[in-house]
Amino acid sequence: MARTFILGGARSGKSGFALELGESLSGDRVFVATAVGFDEGMRERIGRHREDRDASWRTVEEAVEVWDVIERECREGRVVLLDCLTLWLNNLMLEERDVEADVERLVSVLESGVEGELILVSNEIGLGLVPDTELGRDFRDAHGRMNQRVASVCDRVLFMVAGLPVVVKGD
């Protein structure tokens, strides 16, 4: 059992690397998609991501209760790839959920140990300018706390830079 957390900026190669890693780990593959097609641009992005996955990936769409999918889908001999926690956090905030409680619920499931291989993808948004809106600052702060909590319970943490993985934690 391994929990791998892949972070990086926009277009850093996170998703492509995560897919390749998943394909190298098991032929039994589940992709957990958190994106919601709120507008045409997002629907196009979702379509491109679907095209990036071959038929060997079974897709489960879950915008909010990802802990249920992890508990249900993770098992020995299978890889589960959740892409991405940034969009998941966005979904939580849009639904005005208790973000800290939901993050802790996810972390609790991760801490309890999952069977098989679990890969989680998230953006690193804290390296740029301070957002000029309160909502932007709240999102950035909640996102940074979420990434810290998830990284603390994962076996491996990788940071993608220009398509190259840099090991932050683990091997």
Protein backbone atom coordinates (compact mmCIF):
# COMPACT_ATOMS: atom_id res chain seq x y z
CA MET A 1 0.00 0.00 0.00
CA ALA A 2 1.34 3.39 -0.95
CA ARG A 3 -0.14 6.86 -0.92
CA THR A 4 1.54 9.19 -3.42
CA PHE A 5 0.80 12.92 -3.48
CA ILE A 6 1.76 14.83 -6.66
CA LEU A 7 1.88 18.62 -6.51
CA GLY A 8 2.82 21.24 -9.06
CA GLY A 9 1.82 24.42 -10.80
CA ALA A 10 -0.45 24.82 -13.79
CA ARG A 11 0.77 22.83 -16.80
CA SER A 12 3.65 21.35 -14.79
CA GLY A 13 2.89 17.80 -15.98
CA LYS A 14 1.12 16.56 -12.84
CA SER A 15 -1.74 14.73 -14.49
CA GLY A 16 0.33 13.15 -17.25
CA PHE A 17 2.93 11.95 -14.77
CA ALA A 18 0.21 10.60 -12.46
CA LEU A 19 -1.35 8.63 -15.33
CA GLU A 20 2.02 7.17 -16.34
CA LEU A 21 2.78 6.25 -12.73
CA GLY A 22 -0.61 4.60 -12.33
CA GLU A 23 -0.18 2.63 -15.53
CA SER A 24 3.20 1.38 -14.32
CA LEU A 25 1.73 0.15 -11.02
CA SER A 26 -1.29 -1.93 -12.01
CA GLY A 27 -3.54 -3.00 -14.86
CA ASP A 28 -6.55 -2.55 -12.58
CA ARG A 29 -7.03 1.23 -12.66
CA VAL A 30 -9.64 3.66 -11.37
CA PHE A 31 -9.60 7.38 -12.13
CA VAL A 32 -11.52 9.57 -9.67
CA ALA A 33 -12.53 12.79 -11.42
CA THR A 34 -13.49 15.76 -9.24
CA ALA A 35 -14.02 18.33 -12.00
CA VAL A 36 -17.48 19.73 -12.67
CA GLY A 37 -18.30 21.18 -16.09
CA PHE A 38 -19.64 24.54 -14.91
CA ASP A 39 -18.92 26.27 -18.22
CA GLU A 40 -17.87 25.48 -21.79
CA GLY A 41 -14.17 25.96 -21.07
CA MET A 42 -14.28 23.51 -18.17
CA ARG A 43 -16.28 20.99 -20.21
CA GLU A 44 -13.61 21.18 -22.94
CA ARG A 45 -10.85 20.66 -20.34
CA ILE A 46 -12.69 17.63 -18.93
CA GLY A 47 -13.00 16.23 -22.46
CA ARG A 48 -9.26 16.64 -23.09
CA HIS A 49 -8.46 14.87 -19.82
CA ARG A 50 -10.79 12.00 -20.79
CA GLU A 51 -8.94 11.68 -24.09
CA ASP A 52 -5.63 11.46 -22.20
CA ARG A 53 -6.81 8.28 -20.46
CA ASP A 54 -7.00 5.07 -22.40
CA ALA A 55 -9.75 2.47 -21.98
CA SER A 56 -7.80 0.71 -19.22
CA TRP A 57 -8.95 3.39 -16.76
CA ARG A 58 -12.42 3.11 -15.24
CA THR A 59 -13.66 6.60 -14.35
CA VAL A 60 -15.64 7.46 -11.23
CA GLU A 61 -16.91 11.03 -11.01
CA GLU A 62 -17.21 12.46 -7.50
CA ALA A 63 -17.19 16.18 -6.84
CA VAL A 64 -17.41 16.15 -3.03
CA GLU A 65 -17.42 12.88 -1.06
CA VAL A 66 -14.12 11.52 -2.35
CA TRP A 67 -13.47 9.67 0.91
CA ASP A 68 -16.34 7.29 0.05
CA VAL A 69 -14.82 6.52 -3.34
CA ILE A 70 -11.38 5.92 -1.81
CA GLU A 71 -12.81 3.53 0.77
CA ARG A 72 -14.89 1.71 -1.85
CA GLU A 73 -12.35 1.53 -4.71
CA CYS A 74 -8.95 1.11 -3.06
CA ARG A 75 -7.93 -2.54 -2.84
CA GLU A 76 -4.86 -4.72 -3.17
CA GLY A 77 -3.65 -4.94 -6.76
CA ARG A 78 -5.47 -1.79 -7.90
CA VAL A 79 -4.33 1.78 -8.44
CA VAL A 80 -6.72 4.64 -7.74
CA LEU A 81 -5.83 8.08 -9.10
CA LEU A 82 -7.72 11.10 -7.76
CA ASP A 83 -7.31 14.20 -9.94
CA CYS A 84 -7.54 16.75 -8.45
CA LEU A 85 -7.79 18.00 -4.89
CA THR A 86 -7.71 21.64 -6.01
CA LEU A 87 -10.97 21.23 -7.91
CA TRP A 88 -12.35 19.19 -5.02
CA LEU A 89 -11.64 22.08 -2.63
CA ASN A 90 -13.32 24.45 -5.09
CA ASN A 91 -16.40 22.21 -5.07
CA LEU A 92 -16.47 22.18 -1.27
CA MET A 93 -16.30 25.96 -1.10
CA LEU A 94 -18.96 26.43 -3.79
CA GLU A 95 -21.31 24.18 -1.82
CA GLU A 96 -20.45 26.16 1.35
CA ARG A 97 -19.40 23.02 3.16
CA ASP A 98 -17.26 22.85 6.29
CA VAL A 99 -13.95 22.67 4.42
CA GLU A 100 -11.80 21.89 7.44
CA ALA A 101 -14.10 19.05 8.51
CA ASP A 102 -14.17 17.59 4.98
CA VAL A 103 -10.38 17.79 4.66
CA GLU A 104 -10.02 16.07 8.02
CA ARG A 105 -12.45 13.37 6.91
CA LEU A 106 -10.29 12.74 3.83
CA VAL A 107 -7.11 12.74 5.93
CA SER A 108 -8.69 10.30 8.39
CA VAL A 109 -9.41 7.84 5.55
CA LEU A 110 -5.84 8.25 4.28
CA GLU A 111 -4.42 7.74 7.78
CA SER A 112 -6.46 4.61 8.38
CA GLY A 113 -4.61 2.98 5.52
CA VAL A 114 -5.85 2.24 2.05
CA GLU A 115 -5.30 -0.99 0.18
CA GLY A 116 -3.41 -0.92 -3.10
CA GLU A 117 -1.93 2.21 -4.61
CA LEU A 118 -3.50 5.64 -4.24
CA ILE A 119 -2.27 8.67 -6.19
CA LEU A 120 -3.59 12.12 -5.31
CA VAL A 121 -2.98 15.19 -7.49
CA SER A 122 -3.16 18.83 -6.38
CA ASN A 123 -1.94 22.19 -7.56
CA GLU A 124 0.59 24.24 -5.65
CA ILE A 125 -0.92 27.73 -5.74
CA GLY A 126 0.96 29.34 -2.87
CA LEU A 127 4.05 30.35 -4.85
CA GLY A 128 2.49 33.34 -6.62
CA LEU A 129 1.12 36.72 -5.74
CA VAL A 130 -1.24 37.28 -2.85
CA PRO A 131 -4.77 37.23 -4.31
CA ASP A 132 -6.45 40.63 -4.31
CA THR A 133 -9.86 39.36 -3.18
CA GLU A 134 -10.93 37.95 0.16
CA LEU A 135 -12.36 34.86 -1.54
CA GLY A 136 -9.08 34.32 -3.38
CA ARG A 137 -7.07 34.63 -0.18
CA ASP A 138 -9.46 32.30 1.67
CA PHE A 139 -9.13 29.72 -1.11
CA ARG A 140 -5.34 30.00 -1.22
CA ASP A 141 -5.08 29.62 2.56
CA ALA A 142 -7.49 26.65 2.73
CA HIS A 143 -5.65 25.06 -0.20
CA GLY A 144 -2.27 25.41 1.49
CA ARG A 145 -3.60 23.89 4.72
CA MET A 146 -5.21 21.03 2.75
CA ASN A 147 -1.99 20.26 0.89
CA GLN A 148 -0.03 20.24 4.16
CA ARG A 149 -2.47 17.84 5.82
CA VAL A 150 -2.56 15.47 2.85
CA ALA A 151 1.23 15.54 2.43
CA SER A 152 1.69 14.75 6.12
CA VAL A 153 -0.09 11.38 5.78
CA CYS A 154 1.19 10.32 2.35
CA ASP A 155 4.13 7.97 1.91
CA ARG A 156 5.54 9.87 -1.05
CA VAL A 157 5.23 13.50 -2.11
CA LEU A 158 6.45 14.65 -5.52
CA PHE A 159 6.63 18.20 -6.84
CA MET A 160 6.43 18.58 -10.61
CA VAL A 161 8.67 21.19 -12.23
CA ALA A 162 8.63 21.56 -16.03
CA GLY A 163 7.39 18.00 -16.41
CA LEU A 164 10.03 16.56 -14.08
CA PRO A 165 9.23 14.99 -10.70
CA VAL A 166 11.20 16.22 -7.70
CA VAL A 167 11.00 13.98 -4.63
CA VAL A 168 9.90 15.95 -1.57
CA LYS A 169 9.14 13.00 0.71
CA GLY A 170 9.76 9.26 0.42
CA ASP A 171 11.66 7.64 -2.42
